[in-house]
N, C-alpha and C. Protein backbone atom coordinates (compact mmCIF):
# COMPACT_ATOMS: atom_id res chain seq x y z
N MET A 1 42.09 -117.02 30.70
CA MET A 1 43.21 -116.32 30.63
C MET A 1 42.82 -114.92 30.46
N ALA A 2 43.55 -113.90 31.07
CA ALA A 2 43.37 -112.37 30.91
C ALA A 2 43.62 -112.11 29.31
N GLY A 3 43.07 -111.21 28.99
CA GLY A 3 43.30 -110.58 27.52
C GLY A 3 44.54 -109.93 27.52
N ILE A 4 45.19 -109.66 26.40
CA ILE A 4 46.47 -109.10 25.99
C ILE A 4 46.22 -107.56 25.64
N LYS A 5 46.98 -106.59 26.31
CA LYS A 5 46.71 -105.22 26.16
C LYS A 5 48.19 -104.67 25.29
N ILE A 6 48.01 -103.50 24.79
CA ILE A 6 49.09 -103.01 24.08
C ILE A 6 49.13 -101.37 24.54
N GLY A 7 50.09 -100.88 25.09
CA GLY A 7 50.42 -99.26 25.25
C GLY A 7 51.49 -99.05 24.30
N ARG A 8 51.47 -97.62 24.18
CA ARG A 8 52.32 -97.00 23.13
C ARG A 8 52.96 -95.81 23.81
N MET A 9 54.28 -95.47 23.60
CA MET A 9 54.92 -94.34 24.05
C MET A 9 55.78 -93.69 22.67
N THR A 10 55.63 -92.58 22.46
CA THR A 10 56.23 -92.17 21.12
C THR A 10 57.34 -91.02 21.56
N LEU A 11 58.44 -91.35 20.98
CA LEU A 11 59.46 -90.24 21.60
C LEU A 11 60.53 -90.54 20.46
N GLY A 12 61.63 -89.54 20.58
CA GLY A 12 62.86 -89.44 19.85
C GLY A 12 62.63 -88.62 18.78
N VAL A 13 63.76 -88.04 18.09
CA VAL A 13 63.74 -87.39 17.04
C VAL A 13 63.01 -87.57 15.70
N CYS A 14 62.55 -88.85 15.75
CA CYS A 14 61.85 -89.36 14.51
C CYS A 14 60.52 -89.80 14.86
N ALA A 15 60.15 -89.40 16.17
CA ALA A 15 58.74 -89.82 16.71
C ALA A 15 58.40 -91.15 16.61
N THR A 16 59.35 -92.05 17.16
CA THR A 16 59.31 -93.53 16.97
C THR A 16 58.12 -94.10 18.10
N ASN A 17 57.42 -95.06 17.42
CA ASN A 17 56.40 -95.65 18.38
C ASN A 17 57.10 -96.74 19.14
N CYS A 18 57.05 -96.73 20.44
CA CYS A 18 57.40 -97.85 21.30
C CYS A 18 56.41 -98.39 21.95
N TYR A 19 56.29 -99.76 21.96
CA TYR A 19 55.02 -100.49 22.32
C TYR A 19 55.52 -101.40 23.61
N PHE A 20 54.43 -101.61 24.57
CA PHE A 20 54.66 -102.50 25.50
C PHE A 20 53.36 -103.36 25.50
N LEU A 21 53.63 -104.57 25.66
CA LEU A 21 52.44 -105.63 25.76
C LEU A 21 52.33 -106.44 27.09
N TYR A 22 51.23 -106.66 27.63
CA TYR A 22 51.02 -107.19 28.97
C TYR A 22 49.53 -107.83 29.01
N ARG A 23 49.53 -108.77 29.88
CA ARG A 23 48.27 -109.40 30.19
C ARG A 23 47.43 -108.35 31.00
N GLU A 24 46.10 -108.31 31.00
CA GLU A 24 45.34 -107.38 31.51
C GLU A 24 45.37 -107.85 33.16
N GLY A 25 45.77 -106.95 34.05
CA GLY A 25 45.69 -107.27 35.36
C GLY A 25 47.23 -107.74 35.79
N ALA A 26 48.01 -108.05 34.93
CA ALA A 26 49.38 -108.32 35.30
C ALA A 26 50.49 -106.97 35.41
N ASP A 27 51.53 -107.39 35.81
CA ASP A 27 52.43 -106.26 36.04
C ASP A 27 53.73 -106.46 35.17
N ARG A 28 53.87 -107.60 34.46
CA ARG A 28 54.98 -107.75 33.54
C ARG A 28 54.79 -107.37 32.13
N VAL A 29 55.71 -106.72 31.43
CA VAL A 29 55.51 -106.25 30.14
C VAL A 29 56.64 -106.90 29.17
N VAL A 30 56.29 -106.84 27.94
CA VAL A 30 57.27 -106.96 26.89
C VAL A 30 57.43 -105.65 26.16
N PHE A 31 58.58 -105.21 26.14
CA PHE A 31 58.81 -103.70 25.55
C PHE A 31 59.38 -103.91 24.11
N ILE A 32 58.91 -103.30 23.20
CA ILE A 32 59.54 -103.31 21.74
C ILE A 32 59.91 -101.91 21.32
N ASP A 33 61.15 -101.95 20.86
CA ASP A 33 61.85 -100.78 20.10
C ASP A 33 61.98 -99.54 21.19
N PRO A 34 62.80 -99.74 22.19
CA PRO A 34 63.00 -98.53 23.02
C PRO A 34 63.90 -97.53 22.31
N ALA A 35 63.19 -96.27 21.80
CA ALA A 35 63.66 -95.45 20.90
C ALA A 35 64.77 -94.56 21.47
N ASP A 36 64.55 -94.18 22.82
CA ASP A 36 65.42 -93.12 23.37
C ASP A 36 65.08 -93.23 24.59
N ARG A 37 65.91 -92.45 25.49
CA ARG A 37 65.64 -92.14 26.90
C ARG A 37 65.34 -93.33 27.61
N GLY A 38 66.05 -94.32 27.76
CA GLY A 38 65.69 -95.59 28.47
C GLY A 38 65.35 -95.38 29.98
N ALA A 39 65.90 -94.26 30.50
CA ALA A 39 65.49 -94.13 31.97
C ALA A 39 64.23 -93.52 32.06
N ASP A 40 63.86 -92.56 31.14
CA ASP A 40 62.39 -92.19 31.19
C ASP A 40 61.46 -93.22 30.85
N LEU A 41 61.76 -94.15 29.95
CA LEU A 41 60.70 -95.33 29.70
C LEU A 41 60.75 -96.25 30.94
N TYR A 42 61.68 -96.43 31.62
CA TYR A 42 61.77 -97.32 32.73
C TYR A 42 60.90 -96.62 33.84
N GLU A 43 61.22 -95.39 34.09
CA GLU A 43 60.26 -94.61 35.16
C GLU A 43 58.89 -94.43 34.79
N GLY A 44 58.54 -94.30 33.57
CA GLY A 44 57.29 -94.31 33.13
C GLY A 44 56.34 -95.57 33.43
N LEU A 45 57.11 -96.64 33.07
CA LEU A 45 56.62 -98.06 33.22
C LEU A 45 56.33 -98.31 34.75
N LYS A 46 57.40 -97.92 35.58
CA LYS A 46 57.29 -98.08 36.83
C LYS A 46 56.24 -97.42 37.63
N ARG A 47 55.97 -96.36 37.16
CA ARG A 47 54.84 -95.42 37.66
C ARG A 47 53.43 -96.04 37.49
N LYS A 48 53.40 -96.74 36.26
CA LYS A 48 52.14 -97.56 35.73
C LYS A 48 52.14 -98.91 36.56
N GLY A 49 53.12 -99.18 37.32
CA GLY A 49 53.22 -100.23 38.09
C GLY A 49 53.71 -101.65 37.36
N PHE A 50 54.45 -101.24 36.38
CA PHE A 50 54.80 -102.44 35.37
C PHE A 50 56.35 -102.57 35.61
N SER A 51 56.84 -103.79 35.37
CA SER A 51 58.20 -104.23 35.29
C SER A 51 58.44 -104.77 33.89
N VAL A 52 59.57 -104.70 33.35
CA VAL A 52 60.10 -105.12 31.98
C VAL A 52 60.47 -106.51 32.06
N GLU A 53 59.90 -107.45 31.58
CA GLU A 53 60.50 -108.64 31.50
C GLU A 53 61.43 -109.04 30.41
N ALA A 54 61.17 -108.33 29.27
CA ALA A 54 61.93 -108.57 27.99
C ALA A 54 61.98 -107.32 27.25
N ILE A 55 63.08 -107.13 26.38
CA ILE A 55 62.88 -105.84 25.17
C ILE A 55 63.08 -106.59 23.97
N LEU A 56 62.52 -106.36 23.07
CA LEU A 56 62.52 -106.91 21.64
C LEU A 56 62.87 -105.74 20.73
N LEU A 57 63.69 -105.88 19.61
CA LEU A 57 63.97 -104.95 18.65
C LEU A 57 63.40 -105.47 17.29
N THR A 58 62.76 -104.61 16.48
CA THR A 58 62.28 -105.02 15.21
C THR A 58 63.48 -104.99 14.29
N HIS A 59 64.24 -104.04 14.40
CA HIS A 59 65.55 -103.94 13.69
C HIS A 59 66.42 -102.89 14.39
N GLY A 60 67.61 -102.65 13.73
CA GLY A 60 68.54 -101.90 14.47
C GLY A 60 68.95 -100.43 14.31
N HIS A 61 68.09 -99.94 13.50
CA HIS A 61 68.23 -98.49 13.36
C HIS A 61 68.25 -97.71 14.68
N PHE A 62 69.02 -96.57 14.72
CA PHE A 62 69.19 -95.94 15.98
C PHE A 62 67.97 -95.29 16.64
N ASP A 63 66.99 -95.10 15.80
CA ASP A 63 65.65 -94.52 16.48
C ASP A 63 64.66 -95.54 16.93
N HIS A 64 65.39 -96.72 16.76
CA HIS A 64 64.44 -97.86 17.48
C HIS A 64 65.25 -98.54 18.68
N ILE A 65 66.64 -98.16 18.76
CA ILE A 65 67.49 -98.95 19.88
C ILE A 65 67.99 -97.91 20.82
N GLY A 66 67.77 -96.73 20.64
CA GLY A 66 68.74 -95.62 21.26
C GLY A 66 68.50 -95.63 22.85
N GLY A 67 67.36 -96.29 23.42
CA GLY A 67 67.15 -96.54 24.64
C GLY A 67 67.30 -97.91 25.33
N SER A 68 67.64 -98.96 24.46
CA SER A 68 67.83 -100.22 24.79
C SER A 68 68.70 -100.57 25.93
N ASP A 69 69.88 -100.09 25.95
CA ASP A 69 71.04 -100.56 26.81
C ASP A 69 70.50 -99.99 28.28
N GLN A 70 70.01 -98.61 28.29
CA GLN A 70 69.95 -98.08 29.60
C GLN A 70 68.49 -98.96 30.25
N LEU A 71 67.58 -99.14 29.37
CA LEU A 71 66.30 -99.80 29.77
C LEU A 71 66.77 -101.21 30.36
N ARG A 72 67.62 -101.79 29.45
CA ARG A 72 68.02 -103.23 29.95
C ARG A 72 68.63 -102.94 31.35
N GLN A 73 69.75 -102.24 31.62
CA GLN A 73 70.39 -101.96 32.56
C GLN A 73 69.57 -101.83 33.87
N LEU A 74 68.60 -100.91 33.74
CA LEU A 74 67.65 -100.52 34.85
C LEU A 74 66.86 -101.64 35.09
N SER A 75 66.20 -102.26 34.21
CA SER A 75 65.15 -103.19 34.46
C SER A 75 65.75 -104.65 34.72
N GLY A 76 66.85 -105.00 34.16
CA GLY A 76 67.36 -106.29 34.27
C GLY A 76 66.90 -107.13 33.23
N ALA A 77 66.03 -106.63 32.24
CA ALA A 77 65.34 -107.44 31.15
C ALA A 77 66.34 -107.87 30.20
N LYS A 78 66.24 -109.06 29.47
CA LYS A 78 67.02 -109.40 28.50
C LYS A 78 66.59 -108.68 27.21
N LEU A 79 67.54 -108.53 26.34
CA LEU A 79 67.33 -107.78 24.98
C LEU A 79 67.47 -108.77 23.93
N CYS A 80 66.49 -108.66 23.11
CA CYS A 80 66.23 -109.73 21.99
C CYS A 80 66.20 -109.10 20.72
N ALA A 81 66.84 -109.56 19.57
CA ALA A 81 66.83 -109.04 18.32
C ALA A 81 66.87 -110.09 17.20
N PRO A 82 66.42 -109.72 15.99
CA PRO A 82 66.50 -110.58 14.90
C PRO A 82 67.82 -111.03 14.43
N ALA A 83 68.21 -112.32 14.39
CA ALA A 83 69.42 -112.84 14.15
C ALA A 83 70.07 -112.13 12.88
N ASP A 84 69.37 -112.00 11.85
CA ASP A 84 69.95 -111.43 10.63
C ASP A 84 70.31 -109.79 10.76
N GLU A 85 70.13 -109.30 11.88
CA GLU A 85 70.35 -107.89 12.16
C GLU A 85 71.62 -107.53 12.83
N ARG A 86 72.41 -108.74 13.05
CA ARG A 86 73.76 -108.60 13.54
C ARG A 86 74.56 -107.41 13.18
N ALA A 87 74.64 -107.37 11.84
CA ALA A 87 75.60 -106.25 11.26
C ALA A 87 75.09 -105.03 11.45
N VAL A 88 73.77 -104.88 11.17
CA VAL A 88 73.16 -103.37 11.64
C VAL A 88 73.34 -103.09 13.01
N CYS A 89 73.09 -103.99 13.90
CA CYS A 89 73.28 -103.63 15.48
C CYS A 89 74.83 -103.21 15.83
N SER A 90 75.48 -103.71 15.12
CA SER A 90 76.97 -103.65 15.62
C SER A 90 77.79 -102.66 14.82
N ASP A 91 77.16 -101.98 13.78
CA ASP A 91 77.71 -101.02 13.13
C ASP A 91 77.22 -99.50 13.03
N PRO A 92 77.74 -98.60 13.76
CA PRO A 92 77.14 -97.21 13.82
C PRO A 92 76.81 -96.63 12.49
N SER A 93 77.51 -96.99 11.53
CA SER A 93 77.21 -96.52 10.00
C SER A 93 75.94 -97.06 9.48
N ALA A 94 75.86 -98.46 9.54
CA ALA A 94 74.68 -99.17 9.27
C ALA A 94 73.42 -98.77 9.86
N ASN A 95 73.52 -98.54 11.17
CA ASN A 95 72.35 -98.39 11.98
C ASN A 95 72.02 -96.85 12.09
N LEU A 96 72.73 -96.05 11.29
CA LEU A 96 72.67 -94.48 11.40
C LEU A 96 72.73 -93.51 12.43
N SER A 97 73.43 -94.40 13.46
CA SER A 97 73.49 -93.52 14.69
C SER A 97 74.84 -92.59 14.54
N ALA A 98 75.93 -93.08 13.67
CA ALA A 98 77.11 -92.38 13.42
C ALA A 98 76.71 -90.97 12.80
N GLN A 99 75.72 -90.90 11.88
CA GLN A 99 75.20 -89.75 11.20
C GLN A 99 74.38 -88.89 12.10
N PHE A 100 74.10 -89.22 13.15
CA PHE A 100 73.27 -88.38 14.02
C PHE A 100 74.04 -88.03 15.46
N GLY A 101 75.27 -88.23 15.17
CA GLY A 101 76.38 -87.83 16.25
C GLY A 101 76.35 -88.50 17.63
N HIS A 102 75.72 -89.74 17.65
CA HIS A 102 75.80 -90.54 18.80
C HIS A 102 76.01 -92.00 18.39
N ARG A 103 77.24 -92.43 18.29
CA ARG A 103 77.66 -93.80 17.78
C ARG A 103 77.08 -94.82 18.80
N THR A 104 76.16 -95.75 18.20
CA THR A 104 75.74 -96.74 19.12
C THR A 104 75.88 -97.91 18.65
N VAL A 105 76.34 -99.05 19.62
CA VAL A 105 76.47 -100.51 18.99
C VAL A 105 75.49 -101.26 20.05
N ILE A 106 74.77 -102.24 19.59
CA ILE A 106 73.95 -103.03 20.41
C ILE A 106 74.30 -104.34 20.48
N GLU A 107 74.63 -105.19 21.64
CA GLU A 107 74.88 -106.59 21.67
C GLU A 107 73.67 -107.04 22.29
N PRO A 108 72.44 -107.77 21.60
CA PRO A 108 71.57 -108.24 22.19
C PRO A 108 71.93 -109.69 23.19
N ASP A 109 71.12 -109.94 24.03
CA ASP A 109 71.33 -111.18 24.82
C ASP A 109 70.91 -112.49 24.12
N GLU A 110 70.01 -112.25 23.21
CA GLU A 110 69.37 -113.42 22.56
C GLU A 110 68.98 -113.03 21.07
N TRP A 111 69.43 -113.79 20.21
CA TRP A 111 69.05 -113.73 18.85
C TRP A 111 67.84 -114.52 18.42
N LEU A 112 66.95 -113.87 17.69
CA LEU A 112 65.71 -114.52 17.27
C LEU A 112 65.71 -114.98 15.95
N THR A 113 64.99 -115.98 15.51
CA THR A 113 65.02 -116.49 14.17
C THR A 113 63.58 -116.64 13.62
N ASP A 114 63.47 -116.54 12.24
CA ASP A 114 62.22 -116.52 11.59
C ASP A 114 61.35 -117.72 11.92
N GLY A 115 60.12 -117.65 12.32
CA GLY A 115 59.36 -118.82 12.62
C GLY A 115 59.23 -119.21 14.00
N GLN A 116 60.15 -118.62 14.86
CA GLN A 116 60.33 -118.83 16.14
C GLN A 116 59.10 -118.32 17.00
N THR A 117 58.60 -119.12 17.97
CA THR A 117 57.62 -118.45 18.88
C THR A 117 58.32 -118.43 20.29
N ILE A 118 58.23 -117.21 20.90
CA ILE A 118 58.67 -116.93 22.20
C ILE A 118 57.64 -116.52 23.04
N ALA A 119 57.70 -116.97 24.27
CA ALA A 119 56.70 -116.67 25.33
C ALA A 119 57.40 -115.88 26.42
N LEU A 120 56.97 -114.49 26.50
CA LEU A 120 57.43 -113.57 27.33
C LEU A 120 56.32 -112.82 28.11
N ALA A 121 56.29 -112.60 29.32
CA ALA A 121 55.54 -112.04 30.00
C ALA A 121 54.09 -112.85 30.01
N ASP A 122 54.13 -114.02 29.70
CA ASP A 122 52.98 -114.95 29.58
C ASP A 122 52.18 -114.64 28.19
N ILE A 123 53.11 -114.13 27.22
CA ILE A 123 52.53 -113.74 25.97
C ILE A 123 53.42 -114.50 24.86
N PRO A 124 52.62 -115.25 24.10
CA PRO A 124 53.29 -115.88 22.96
C PRO A 124 53.47 -115.00 21.74
N LEU A 125 54.71 -114.77 21.22
CA LEU A 125 54.95 -113.85 20.05
C LEU A 125 55.63 -114.62 19.06
N GLU A 126 55.18 -114.60 17.93
CA GLU A 126 55.66 -115.20 16.69
C GLU A 126 56.78 -114.30 15.94
N VAL A 127 57.91 -114.78 15.57
CA VAL A 127 58.95 -113.81 14.86
C VAL A 127 58.81 -114.03 13.45
N ILE A 128 58.45 -113.00 12.69
CA ILE A 128 58.30 -113.08 11.19
C ILE A 128 59.32 -112.21 10.61
N ALA A 129 60.41 -112.99 9.95
CA ALA A 129 61.30 -112.14 9.39
C ALA A 129 60.88 -111.37 8.02
N THR A 130 61.20 -110.22 8.09
CA THR A 130 60.56 -109.18 7.03
C THR A 130 61.72 -108.41 6.40
N PRO A 131 62.86 -108.99 5.69
CA PRO A 131 63.86 -108.39 5.23
C PRO A 131 63.30 -107.31 4.25
N GLY A 132 63.95 -106.17 4.22
CA GLY A 132 63.75 -105.06 3.16
C GLY A 132 63.98 -103.65 3.61
N HIS A 133 63.44 -103.40 4.82
CA HIS A 133 63.95 -102.09 5.43
C HIS A 133 65.40 -102.08 5.70
N THR A 134 65.68 -103.17 6.36
CA THR A 134 67.05 -103.68 6.71
C THR A 134 67.13 -105.09 6.34
N GLU A 135 68.39 -105.69 6.33
CA GLU A 135 68.54 -107.10 6.09
C GLU A 135 67.86 -107.71 6.97
N GLY A 136 67.77 -107.52 8.45
CA GLY A 136 67.26 -108.46 9.30
C GLY A 136 65.80 -107.90 10.00
N SER A 137 65.21 -107.10 9.47
CA SER A 137 63.83 -106.64 9.94
C SER A 137 63.16 -107.60 10.18
N ALA A 138 62.41 -107.57 11.30
CA ALA A 138 61.44 -108.46 11.69
C ALA A 138 60.21 -107.95 12.36
N CYS A 139 58.99 -108.66 12.22
CA CYS A 139 57.89 -108.21 12.71
C CYS A 139 57.45 -109.16 13.90
N TYR A 140 56.59 -108.87 14.94
CA TYR A 140 56.13 -109.83 16.06
C TYR A 140 54.48 -109.86 16.02
N TYR A 141 54.23 -111.11 15.80
CA TYR A 141 52.75 -111.39 15.64
C TYR A 141 52.30 -112.13 17.08
N VAL A 142 51.32 -111.21 17.67
CA VAL A 142 50.55 -111.97 18.72
C VAL A 142 49.17 -112.58 18.30
N ARG A 143 49.37 -113.80 17.76
CA ARG A 143 48.26 -114.54 17.23
C ARG A 143 46.89 -114.42 18.11
N GLU A 144 47.06 -114.52 19.30
CA GLU A 144 45.87 -114.62 20.33
C GLU A 144 45.05 -113.32 20.29
N ALA A 145 45.82 -112.21 20.04
CA ALA A 145 45.26 -111.01 20.30
C ALA A 145 44.97 -110.24 18.83
N GLY A 146 45.52 -110.93 17.85
CA GLY A 146 45.40 -110.29 16.53
C GLY A 146 46.18 -109.01 16.23
N ILE A 147 47.32 -108.90 16.89
CA ILE A 147 48.23 -107.87 16.91
C ILE A 147 49.51 -108.20 16.14
N LEU A 148 49.92 -107.19 15.40
CA LEU A 148 51.18 -107.24 14.56
C LEU A 148 51.95 -105.95 14.98
N ILE A 149 53.28 -106.15 15.55
CA ILE A 149 54.16 -105.14 15.78
C ILE A 149 54.88 -105.13 14.53
N ALA A 150 55.15 -104.11 13.59
CA ALA A 150 55.46 -104.02 12.29
C ALA A 150 56.74 -103.35 12.16
N GLY A 151 57.33 -102.71 13.13
CA GLY A 151 58.38 -101.90 13.13
C GLY A 151 58.45 -101.00 11.80
N ASP A 152 59.43 -100.90 10.98
CA ASP A 152 59.41 -100.04 9.90
C ASP A 152 59.14 -100.80 8.49
N THR A 153 58.56 -102.03 8.74
CA THR A 153 58.32 -102.81 7.43
C THR A 153 57.00 -102.37 6.78
N LEU A 154 55.95 -102.08 7.52
CA LEU A 154 54.70 -101.64 6.91
C LEU A 154 54.04 -100.55 7.88
N PHE A 155 53.64 -99.55 7.17
CA PHE A 155 52.87 -98.43 7.86
C PHE A 155 51.53 -98.27 7.15
N ALA A 156 50.63 -97.55 7.78
CA ALA A 156 49.40 -97.08 7.21
C ALA A 156 49.61 -96.42 5.84
N GLY A 157 49.33 -97.06 4.77
CA GLY A 157 49.33 -96.34 3.43
C GLY A 157 50.84 -96.24 2.99
N SER A 158 51.72 -96.95 3.71
CA SER A 158 53.09 -96.93 3.05
C SER A 158 54.01 -98.02 3.49
N VAL A 159 55.17 -98.07 3.15
CA VAL A 159 56.18 -98.88 3.72
C VAL A 159 57.43 -98.33 4.15
N GLY A 160 58.30 -99.04 4.67
CA GLY A 160 59.58 -98.44 5.18
C GLY A 160 60.54 -98.07 4.13
N ARG A 161 61.44 -97.04 4.36
CA ARG A 161 62.49 -96.71 3.44
C ARG A 161 63.33 -97.85 3.10
N THR A 162 63.88 -97.87 2.10
CA THR A 162 64.97 -98.91 1.66
C THR A 162 66.24 -98.34 1.08
N ASP A 163 66.41 -96.91 1.22
CA ASP A 163 67.62 -96.19 0.77
C ASP A 163 68.82 -96.22 1.74
N PHE A 164 68.56 -96.95 2.94
CA PHE A 164 69.52 -97.01 3.99
C PHE A 164 70.46 -98.32 3.80
N PRO A 165 71.63 -98.36 4.33
CA PRO A 165 72.46 -99.63 4.39
C PRO A 165 71.74 -100.97 4.46
N THR A 166 71.73 -102.02 3.80
CA THR A 166 70.99 -103.39 3.67
C THR A 166 69.71 -103.32 3.36
N GLY A 167 69.15 -102.03 2.81
CA GLY A 167 67.87 -102.05 2.38
C GLY A 167 67.55 -102.35 1.10
N SER A 168 66.31 -103.05 0.62
CA SER A 168 66.07 -103.42 -0.61
C SER A 168 64.53 -103.29 -0.90
N MET A 169 64.11 -102.33 -1.63
CA MET A 169 62.47 -102.41 -2.08
C MET A 169 61.97 -103.60 -2.56
N SER A 170 62.60 -104.28 -3.32
CA SER A 170 61.85 -105.58 -3.98
C SER A 170 61.80 -106.72 -2.79
N ARG A 171 62.63 -106.61 -1.79
CA ARG A 171 62.56 -107.59 -0.63
C ARG A 171 61.63 -107.24 0.22
N LEU A 172 61.46 -105.92 0.47
CA LEU A 172 60.52 -105.46 1.35
C LEU A 172 59.12 -105.66 0.92
N VAL A 173 58.94 -105.46 -0.40
CA VAL A 173 57.52 -105.62 -1.00
C VAL A 173 57.19 -107.16 -0.86
N ARG A 174 58.15 -108.18 -1.11
CA ARG A 174 57.84 -109.55 -1.22
C ARG A 174 57.72 -109.83 0.18
N SER A 175 58.37 -109.31 1.30
CA SER A 175 58.15 -109.66 2.67
C SER A 175 56.59 -109.37 3.20
N VAL A 176 56.13 -108.26 2.76
CA VAL A 176 54.90 -107.64 2.92
C VAL A 176 54.01 -108.64 2.29
N LYS A 177 54.03 -108.95 1.24
CA LYS A 177 53.05 -109.70 0.37
C LYS A 177 53.10 -111.12 0.82
N GLU A 178 54.33 -111.71 1.03
CA GLU A 178 54.36 -113.16 1.32
C GLU A 178 54.28 -113.46 2.77
N LYS A 179 54.58 -112.46 3.81
CA LYS A 179 54.83 -112.95 5.12
C LYS A 179 53.63 -112.14 5.94
N LEU A 180 53.21 -111.01 5.61
CA LEU A 180 52.29 -110.13 6.39
C LEU A 180 50.80 -110.24 5.62
N PHE A 181 50.77 -110.18 4.39
CA PHE A 181 49.46 -110.08 3.91
C PHE A 181 48.76 -111.62 3.96
N VAL A 182 49.42 -112.50 4.49
CA VAL A 182 48.74 -113.97 4.60
C VAL A 182 48.07 -113.85 5.81
N LEU A 183 48.27 -113.05 6.85
CA LEU A 183 47.70 -112.95 8.04
C LEU A 183 46.10 -112.45 8.05
N PRO A 184 45.35 -112.69 8.92
CA PRO A 184 43.96 -112.37 8.86
C PRO A 184 43.70 -110.86 8.58
N ASP A 185 42.72 -110.55 7.77
CA ASP A 185 42.52 -109.28 7.41
C ASP A 185 42.25 -108.23 8.68
N ASP A 186 41.76 -108.73 9.81
CA ASP A 186 41.47 -107.89 10.94
C ASP A 186 42.63 -107.75 11.91
N THR A 187 43.74 -108.40 11.45
CA THR A 187 44.96 -108.06 12.35
C THR A 187 45.24 -106.78 12.38
N ARG A 188 45.43 -106.23 13.61
CA ARG A 188 45.79 -104.82 13.97
C ARG A 188 47.14 -104.69 13.65
N VAL A 189 47.56 -103.61 12.90
CA VAL A 189 49.06 -103.38 12.55
C VAL A 189 49.49 -102.17 13.38
N TYR A 190 50.64 -102.34 14.19
CA TYR A 190 51.22 -101.16 14.96
C TYR A 190 52.47 -100.98 14.52
N PRO A 191 52.59 -99.93 13.64
CA PRO A 191 53.90 -99.49 13.04
C PRO A 191 54.93 -98.71 13.87
N GLY A 192 56.12 -98.58 13.31
CA GLY A 192 57.09 -98.04 14.06
C GLY A 192 56.88 -96.45 14.07
N HIS A 193 56.15 -95.96 13.12
CA HIS A 193 55.81 -94.51 13.11
C HIS A 193 54.48 -94.29 12.67
N GLY A 194 53.76 -93.44 13.13
CA GLY A 194 52.39 -93.09 12.52
C GLY A 194 51.33 -93.97 13.31
N GLU A 195 50.18 -93.92 12.78
CA GLU A 195 48.94 -94.62 13.28
C GLU A 195 48.77 -96.17 13.04
N SER A 196 47.98 -96.76 13.75
CA SER A 196 47.88 -98.19 13.54
C SER A 196 46.78 -98.39 12.27
N THR A 197 46.93 -99.52 11.60
CA THR A 197 46.08 -99.82 10.65
C THR A 197 45.56 -101.43 10.68
N THR A 198 45.15 -102.05 9.56
CA THR A 198 44.84 -103.36 9.61
C THR A 198 45.53 -104.04 8.29
N ILE A 199 45.71 -105.31 8.34
CA ILE A 199 46.25 -105.98 7.34
C ILE A 199 45.28 -105.93 6.05
N GLY A 200 43.90 -106.12 6.45
CA GLY A 200 42.89 -105.78 5.45
C GLY A 200 42.89 -104.60 4.75
N GLU A 201 43.07 -103.60 5.50
CA GLU A 201 42.94 -102.15 4.87
C GLU A 201 44.29 -101.86 4.10
N GLU A 202 45.51 -102.48 4.19
CA GLU A 202 46.74 -102.48 3.53
C GLU A 202 46.63 -103.10 2.26
N LYS A 203 46.09 -104.32 2.32
CA LYS A 203 45.84 -105.24 1.15
C LYS A 203 45.12 -104.58 0.22
N ARG A 204 44.13 -103.89 0.56
CA ARG A 204 43.14 -103.02 -0.33
C ARG A 204 43.77 -101.69 -0.89
N TYR A 205 44.51 -101.00 0.02
CA TYR A 205 44.75 -99.73 -0.58
C TYR A 205 46.20 -99.22 -0.49
N ASN A 206 47.18 -100.12 0.13
CA ASN A 206 48.44 -99.66 0.13
C ASN A 206 49.15 -99.64 -1.18
N PRO A 207 49.47 -98.37 -1.67
CA PRO A 207 50.05 -98.31 -3.33
C PRO A 207 51.22 -99.10 -3.33
N TYR A 208 51.98 -99.23 -2.43
CA TYR A 208 53.40 -99.83 -2.67
C TYR A 208 53.26 -101.33 -2.84
N CYS A 209 52.06 -101.81 -2.40
CA CYS A 209 52.08 -103.41 -2.47
C CYS A 209 50.64 -104.01 -3.24
N GLN A 210 50.49 -103.26 -4.22
CA GLN A 210 49.41 -103.73 -5.05
C GLN A 210 49.97 -104.68 -6.27
C-alpha cells in the first residue's frame, strides 16, 4: 500500500496551519482545519490534482473553521468535528468569530467521538479527545504514518491558550500527558500554528507539561 503524505497551507489572520493527508499517487485528500478562504483552498488543491473527500476540524475556533462551509460547498465533501465541540461550533461568541467581525456558525455533517477510527481517502485516522484549549478539542492520529494532527492542543515548546470560552489549563495539561504523551516518541506532531515537533521532544522539553 502506498505511503501517506501530508501537505500544509498556512493562512488567515492567525497564520493557521491547514493540513491535507493523502496516499502517495492518489488524488483524494482529507483536509483538516480550513482556516479561511475556502475557495482558494479548493482551487489550490484542484491545481495539484486533488479532490477533497472529507474535512475534519480539530476544534471550533474561527481561525480553524473560517473556510469550512465554502470548501464543503465547492468540493461536496462531508464536514466532521468532535462531538463535544457542538457548543463552540454553534456559538459565535464561543468560537470567537463575533469578536473578529464575522459571525460564524458551523453545522458539521458528522460528529466524531473519542476513540473512534475513521477511514477517509483510504487513510485510517484515530480520534483522540483532548479537552483543554476548548471543551471539545481533539487530535487526529495516523498510526500507520506516525503522524499526529494536534490542532491547538500541543505546540513545539508550548500548549494552546485556555483563556477563551470552555478552556481549562488543568484539563489541557492532563490531556497532553494522558492522551498524547503515551504515543511513540517518534510521532511527528503537526500543530495548528508554528512548526512541527515530536512527542519525544515535547515530553523532554515542553515547560508546560513537566
